[in-house]
Amino acid sequence: MKIILRAVIGLEVLSGAAAAVLFLYIERIEQCGNRTVVTSAGIIHDFITHGTLAHGARDVHPNCMNVWAAVEWRDGVMNFRPFGLPMVLVSRQLQGEQLVWMYPSLGEVRMQRICRIPAN
């Protein structure tokens, strides 16, 4: 689902809430231009998707693990590169009404969209 935003062209609109199919996990995603905020149990990601570490995701998890990643869109996929390294650690994309993300320790996780945030 390609949507054109007022400020940035070609971003996927992930805004809304999604729930994991196989285990109890819910995310709320809000976007404004190239800024994205993802809220879930124990963590809030707040970042700008222009591929620099300076404005990427900087998270401190409940277990005090500190993660810092550059985030950018490539071909409709949001890619997270830890500590600005060239490799992609986590990716997120929409496939129909599912938010699909790849994470090394979990593999592919599919989340069903359960609501949308109104455009206005």
N, C-alpha and C. Protein backbone atom coordinates (compact mmCIF):
# COMPACT_ATOMS: atom_id res chain seq x y z
N MET A 1 0.84 -1.16 0.00
CA MET A 1 0.00 0.00 0.00
C MET A 1 0.89 1.24 0.00
N LYS A 2 1.15 1.83 -1.15
CA LYS A 2 1.95 3.03 -1.26
C LYS A 2 1.06 4.24 -1.06
N ILE A 3 1.47 5.13 -0.21
CA ILE A 3 0.73 6.36 0.04
C ILE A 3 1.72 7.50 -0.09
N ILE A 4 1.29 8.62 -0.64
CA ILE A 4 2.15 9.80 -0.71
C ILE A 4 1.81 10.71 0.45
N LEU A 5 2.80 11.02 1.26
CA LEU A 5 2.61 11.93 2.38
C LEU A 5 2.87 13.35 1.91
N ARG A 6 2.39 14.34 2.66
CA ARG A 6 2.59 15.73 2.28
C ARG A 6 4.06 16.10 2.20
N ALA A 7 4.87 15.64 3.16
CA ALA A 7 6.25 16.09 3.24
C ALA A 7 7.23 15.18 2.53
N VAL A 8 6.98 13.91 2.51
CA VAL A 8 7.92 12.94 1.97
C VAL A 8 7.18 12.01 1.03
N ILE A 9 7.74 11.77 -0.14
CA ILE A 9 7.06 10.95 -1.14
C ILE A 9 7.62 9.53 -1.10
N GLY A 10 6.71 8.55 -1.20
CA GLY A 10 7.12 7.16 -1.37
C GLY A 10 7.27 6.36 -0.10
N LEU A 11 6.91 6.91 1.05
CA LEU A 11 7.00 6.14 2.29
C LEU A 11 5.78 5.26 2.44
N GLU A 12 5.97 4.09 3.00
CA GLU A 12 4.84 3.26 3.38
C GLU A 12 4.22 3.90 4.62
N VAL A 13 2.92 3.89 4.72
CA VAL A 13 2.26 4.42 5.91
C VAL A 13 1.96 3.24 6.82
N LEU A 14 2.70 3.14 7.91
CA LEU A 14 2.55 2.05 8.86
C LEU A 14 1.65 2.45 10.02
N SER A 15 1.24 3.71 10.08
CA SER A 15 0.48 4.23 11.22
C SER A 15 -0.72 3.36 11.56
N GLY A 16 -0.94 3.17 12.85
CA GLY A 16 -2.05 2.36 13.34
C GLY A 16 -1.55 1.43 14.42
N ALA A 17 -2.29 0.40 14.68
CA ALA A 17 -1.88 -0.59 15.67
C ALA A 17 -1.89 -1.96 15.00
N ALA A 18 -0.99 -2.82 15.44
CA ALA A 18 -0.91 -4.17 14.89
C ALA A 18 -0.67 -5.14 16.03
N ALA A 19 -1.20 -6.35 15.89
CA ALA A 19 -1.04 -7.38 16.91
C ALA A 19 -0.40 -8.60 16.27
N ALA A 20 0.55 -9.21 16.98
CA ALA A 20 1.19 -10.41 16.47
C ALA A 20 0.21 -11.56 16.46
N VAL A 21 0.32 -12.40 15.44
CA VAL A 21 -0.61 -13.50 15.25
C VAL A 21 -0.33 -14.65 16.24
N LEU A 22 0.93 -14.97 16.48
CA LEU A 22 1.27 -16.16 17.25
C LEU A 22 1.50 -15.92 18.74
N PHE A 23 1.74 -14.69 19.14
CA PHE A 23 1.95 -14.42 20.56
C PHE A 23 1.39 -13.04 20.87
N LEU A 24 1.14 -12.77 22.14
CA LEU A 24 0.52 -11.52 22.54
C LEU A 24 1.54 -10.39 22.48
N TYR A 25 1.44 -9.56 21.46
CA TYR A 25 2.35 -8.44 21.28
C TYR A 25 1.62 -7.41 20.43
N ILE A 26 1.55 -6.19 20.90
CA ILE A 26 0.86 -5.13 20.18
C ILE A 26 1.80 -3.95 20.03
N GLU A 27 1.80 -3.33 18.85
CA GLU A 27 2.55 -2.11 18.59
C GLU A 27 1.60 -1.03 18.12
N ARG A 28 1.88 0.18 18.53
CA ARG A 28 1.20 1.34 17.98
C ARG A 28 2.25 2.14 17.23
N ILE A 29 1.95 2.49 15.98
CA ILE A 29 2.90 3.20 15.13
C ILE A 29 2.27 4.51 14.68
N GLU A 30 3.01 5.60 14.86
CA GLU A 30 2.57 6.90 14.38
C GLU A 30 3.65 7.47 13.49
N GLN A 31 3.23 8.13 12.41
CA GLN A 31 4.17 8.74 11.48
C GLN A 31 3.74 10.15 11.14
N CYS A 32 4.72 11.01 10.95
CA CYS A 32 4.51 12.35 10.45
C CYS A 32 5.70 12.65 9.54
N GLY A 33 5.47 12.65 8.23
CA GLY A 33 6.60 12.80 7.31
C GLY A 33 7.55 11.64 7.47
N ASN A 34 8.84 11.93 7.69
CA ASN A 34 9.80 10.84 7.84
C ASN A 34 10.11 10.53 9.31
N ARG A 35 9.30 11.08 10.24
CA ARG A 35 9.46 10.75 11.65
C ARG A 35 8.47 9.64 12.01
N THR A 36 8.96 8.65 12.75
CA THR A 36 8.14 7.50 13.15
C THR A 36 8.32 7.28 14.65
N VAL A 37 7.21 6.94 15.31
CA VAL A 37 7.24 6.56 16.72
C VAL A 37 6.54 5.20 16.83
N VAL A 38 7.24 4.21 17.38
CA VAL A 38 6.69 2.88 17.60
C VAL A 38 6.66 2.65 19.11
N THR A 39 5.47 2.36 19.64
CA THR A 39 5.32 2.12 21.06
C THR A 39 4.85 0.68 21.27
N SER A 40 5.53 -0.03 22.15
CA SER A 40 5.14 -1.41 22.47
C SER A 40 5.50 -1.66 23.93
N ALA A 41 5.33 -2.86 24.38
CA ALA A 41 5.60 -3.21 25.77
C ALA A 41 7.07 -2.95 26.12
N GLY A 42 7.29 -1.99 26.99
CA GLY A 42 8.63 -1.75 27.51
C GLY A 42 9.55 -0.92 26.65
N ILE A 43 9.12 -0.43 25.48
CA ILE A 43 10.04 0.31 24.62
C ILE A 43 9.28 1.31 23.76
N ILE A 44 9.90 2.45 23.54
CA ILE A 44 9.38 3.44 22.59
C ILE A 44 10.52 3.76 21.63
N HIS A 45 10.28 3.53 20.34
CA HIS A 45 11.23 3.92 19.30
C HIS A 45 10.76 5.26 18.75
N ASP A 46 11.62 6.25 18.69
CA ASP A 46 11.29 7.56 18.13
C ASP A 46 12.46 7.94 17.24
N PHE A 47 12.22 8.00 15.92
CA PHE A 47 13.34 8.20 15.00
C PHE A 47 12.90 8.87 13.71
N ILE A 48 13.90 9.34 12.97
CA ILE A 48 13.70 9.91 11.65
C ILE A 48 14.32 8.95 10.65
N THR A 49 13.60 8.68 9.56
CA THR A 49 14.04 7.64 8.61
C THR A 49 14.82 8.24 7.44
N HIS A 50 15.97 8.84 7.74
CA HIS A 50 16.80 9.33 6.64
C HIS A 50 18.18 8.70 6.62
N GLY A 51 18.36 7.62 7.36
CA GLY A 51 19.56 6.81 7.24
C GLY A 51 20.77 7.25 8.03
N THR A 52 20.63 8.28 8.89
CA THR A 52 21.78 8.69 9.68
C THR A 52 21.64 8.20 11.12
N LEU A 53 22.78 7.93 11.71
CA LEU A 53 22.78 7.48 13.10
C LEU A 53 22.38 8.62 14.04
N ALA A 54 22.72 9.84 13.70
CA ALA A 54 22.43 10.99 14.56
C ALA A 54 20.94 11.16 14.83
N HIS A 55 20.09 10.83 13.85
CA HIS A 55 18.65 10.98 14.03
C HIS A 55 17.92 9.64 13.98
N GLY A 56 18.66 8.56 14.14
CA GLY A 56 18.06 7.23 14.10
C GLY A 56 17.46 6.85 15.44
N ALA A 57 17.16 5.57 15.58
CA ALA A 57 16.55 5.06 16.81
C ALA A 57 17.60 4.95 17.90
N ARG A 58 17.32 5.52 19.05
CA ARG A 58 18.20 5.40 20.22
C ARG A 58 17.32 4.91 21.35
N ASP A 59 17.45 3.66 21.71
CA ASP A 59 16.55 3.02 22.66
C ASP A 59 17.32 2.44 23.83
N VAL A 60 16.73 2.53 25.00
CA VAL A 60 17.23 1.83 26.17
C VAL A 60 16.12 0.88 26.59
N HIS A 61 16.39 -0.40 26.51
CA HIS A 61 15.40 -1.43 26.83
C HIS A 61 15.27 -1.59 28.34
N PRO A 62 14.19 -2.24 28.80
CA PRO A 62 14.00 -2.44 30.25
C PRO A 62 15.17 -3.14 30.93
N ASN A 63 15.91 -3.98 30.20
CA ASN A 63 17.06 -4.66 30.79
C ASN A 63 18.34 -3.82 30.69
N CYS A 64 18.18 -2.52 30.34
CA CYS A 64 19.26 -1.54 30.24
C CYS A 64 20.13 -1.72 29.00
N MET A 65 19.77 -2.61 28.10
CA MET A 65 20.50 -2.74 26.85
C MET A 65 20.26 -1.49 26.01
N ASN A 66 21.33 -0.88 25.53
CA ASN A 66 21.26 0.34 24.76
C ASN A 66 21.43 0.00 23.28
N VAL A 67 20.46 0.42 22.46
CA VAL A 67 20.51 0.14 21.02
C VAL A 67 20.42 1.47 20.29
N TRP A 68 21.28 1.63 19.30
CA TRP A 68 21.32 2.84 18.51
C TRP A 68 21.40 2.40 17.06
N ALA A 69 20.44 2.82 16.24
CA ALA A 69 20.41 2.34 14.85
C ALA A 69 20.04 3.45 13.88
N ALA A 70 20.69 3.45 12.73
CA ALA A 70 20.29 4.30 11.62
C ALA A 70 19.08 3.63 10.96
N VAL A 71 18.09 4.42 10.56
CA VAL A 71 16.86 3.86 9.98
C VAL A 71 16.58 4.57 8.66
N GLU A 72 16.26 3.78 7.63
CA GLU A 72 15.93 4.37 6.33
C GLU A 72 14.98 3.48 5.56
N TRP A 73 14.29 4.09 4.59
CA TRP A 73 13.39 3.37 3.69
C TRP A 73 14.16 2.98 2.44
N ARG A 74 14.01 1.72 2.01
CA ARG A 74 14.56 1.24 0.73
C ARG A 74 13.52 0.34 0.09
N ASP A 75 13.05 0.73 -1.07
CA ASP A 75 12.09 -0.09 -1.83
C ASP A 75 10.89 -0.52 -0.98
N GLY A 76 10.33 0.42 -0.21
CA GLY A 76 9.14 0.13 0.59
C GLY A 76 9.40 -0.63 1.87
N VAL A 77 10.68 -0.80 2.25
CA VAL A 77 11.04 -1.53 3.47
C VAL A 77 11.80 -0.59 4.40
N MET A 78 11.38 -0.54 5.67
CA MET A 78 12.08 0.25 6.67
C MET A 78 13.20 -0.61 7.25
N ASN A 79 14.45 -0.17 7.08
CA ASN A 79 15.62 -0.93 7.51
C ASN A 79 16.31 -0.26 8.70
N PHE A 80 16.67 -1.08 9.69
CA PHE A 80 17.40 -0.62 10.86
C PHE A 80 18.82 -1.18 10.78
N ARG A 81 19.82 -0.28 10.80
CA ARG A 81 21.22 -0.68 10.78
C ARG A 81 21.85 -0.33 12.13
N PRO A 82 22.18 -1.34 12.95
CA PRO A 82 22.68 -1.07 14.30
C PRO A 82 24.00 -0.29 14.26
N PHE A 83 24.06 0.71 15.11
CA PHE A 83 25.27 1.51 15.29
C PHE A 83 25.81 2.06 13.97
N GLY A 84 24.94 2.20 12.95
CA GLY A 84 25.32 2.76 11.66
C GLY A 84 26.11 1.82 10.77
N LEU A 85 26.18 0.54 11.15
CA LEU A 85 26.92 -0.44 10.33
C LEU A 85 26.20 -0.66 9.00
N PRO A 86 26.88 -1.21 8.00
CA PRO A 86 26.24 -1.40 6.69
C PRO A 86 25.19 -2.51 6.66
N MET A 87 25.20 -3.43 7.61
CA MET A 87 24.24 -4.54 7.58
C MET A 87 22.90 -4.13 8.19
N VAL A 88 21.82 -4.68 7.66
CA VAL A 88 20.48 -4.43 8.18
C VAL A 88 20.19 -5.47 9.25
N LEU A 89 19.84 -5.03 10.46
CA LEU A 89 19.54 -5.97 11.54
C LEU A 89 18.05 -6.29 11.58
N VAL A 90 17.21 -5.26 11.48
CA VAL A 90 15.76 -5.42 11.54
C VAL A 90 15.15 -4.71 10.35
N SER A 91 14.13 -5.32 9.77
CA SER A 91 13.40 -4.65 8.69
C SER A 91 11.91 -4.77 8.96
N ARG A 92 11.16 -3.76 8.50
CA ARG A 92 9.70 -3.75 8.64
C ARG A 92 9.10 -3.34 7.31
N GLN A 93 7.98 -3.97 6.96
CA GLN A 93 7.26 -3.58 5.76
C GLN A 93 5.82 -4.03 5.85
N LEU A 94 4.97 -3.36 5.07
CA LEU A 94 3.58 -3.77 4.98
C LEU A 94 3.42 -4.76 3.84
N GLN A 95 2.69 -5.81 4.09
CA GLN A 95 2.27 -6.75 3.05
C GLN A 95 0.77 -6.89 3.23
N GLY A 96 0.02 -6.17 2.41
CA GLY A 96 -1.43 -6.14 2.57
C GLY A 96 -1.78 -5.49 3.89
N GLU A 97 -2.53 -6.17 4.74
CA GLU A 97 -2.91 -5.65 6.05
C GLU A 97 -2.01 -6.20 7.17
N GLN A 98 -0.87 -6.75 6.80
CA GLN A 98 0.06 -7.26 7.81
C GLN A 98 1.34 -6.44 7.83
N LEU A 99 1.80 -6.15 9.04
CA LEU A 99 3.11 -5.56 9.24
C LEU A 99 4.06 -6.74 9.41
N VAL A 100 5.04 -6.84 8.55
CA VAL A 100 5.99 -7.96 8.60
C VAL A 100 7.35 -7.41 8.99
N TRP A 101 7.92 -7.98 10.04
CA TRP A 101 9.27 -7.57 10.38
C TRP A 101 10.17 -8.77 10.55
N MET A 102 11.40 -8.57 10.18
CA MET A 102 12.42 -9.61 10.28
C MET A 102 13.38 -9.20 11.40
N TYR A 103 13.61 -10.14 12.30
CA TYR A 103 14.49 -9.90 13.44
C TYR A 103 15.30 -11.17 13.64
N PRO A 104 16.64 -11.06 13.77
CA PRO A 104 17.48 -12.27 13.80
C PRO A 104 17.06 -13.36 14.78
N SER A 105 16.73 -13.01 16.03
CA SER A 105 16.42 -14.06 17.00
C SER A 105 15.00 -14.60 16.86
N LEU A 106 14.11 -13.89 16.15
CA LEU A 106 12.73 -14.33 15.99
C LEU A 106 12.39 -14.77 14.58
N GLY A 107 13.21 -14.39 13.61
CA GLY A 107 12.89 -14.66 12.21
C GLY A 107 11.81 -13.71 11.74
N GLU A 108 10.91 -14.19 10.91
CA GLU A 108 9.83 -13.36 10.38
C GLU A 108 8.66 -13.32 11.36
N VAL A 109 8.23 -12.11 11.70
CA VAL A 109 7.08 -11.92 12.57
C VAL A 109 6.01 -11.19 11.76
N ARG A 110 4.80 -11.74 11.73
CA ARG A 110 3.68 -11.13 11.01
C ARG A 110 2.68 -10.62 12.02
N MET A 111 2.34 -9.34 11.87
CA MET A 111 1.37 -8.71 12.77
C MET A 111 0.19 -8.23 11.94
N GLN A 112 -1.00 -8.51 12.40
CA GLN A 112 -2.22 -8.10 11.71
C GLN A 112 -2.59 -6.68 12.12
N ARG A 113 -2.87 -5.82 11.13
CA ARG A 113 -3.31 -4.46 11.45
C ARG A 113 -4.66 -4.56 12.14
N ILE A 114 -4.80 -3.92 13.31
CA ILE A 114 -6.07 -3.98 14.03
C ILE A 114 -6.77 -2.62 14.05
N CYS A 115 -6.07 -1.55 13.66
CA CYS A 115 -6.73 -0.26 13.50
C CYS A 115 -5.80 0.67 12.73
N ARG A 116 -6.37 1.77 12.29
CA ARG A 116 -5.62 2.81 11.59
C ARG A 116 -5.79 4.12 12.34
N ILE A 117 -4.79 4.97 12.28
CA ILE A 117 -4.90 6.31 12.85
C ILE A 117 -5.51 7.18 11.75
N PRO A 118 -6.59 7.92 12.06
CA PRO A 118 -7.22 8.76 11.04
C PRO A 118 -6.24 9.77 10.45
N ALA A 119 -6.41 10.09 9.17
CA ALA A 119 -5.53 11.03 8.48
C ALA A 119 -5.68 12.45 9.00
N ASN A 120 -6.85 12.80 9.47
CA ASN A 120 -7.08 14.18 9.94
C ASN A 120 -7.01 14.28 11.43
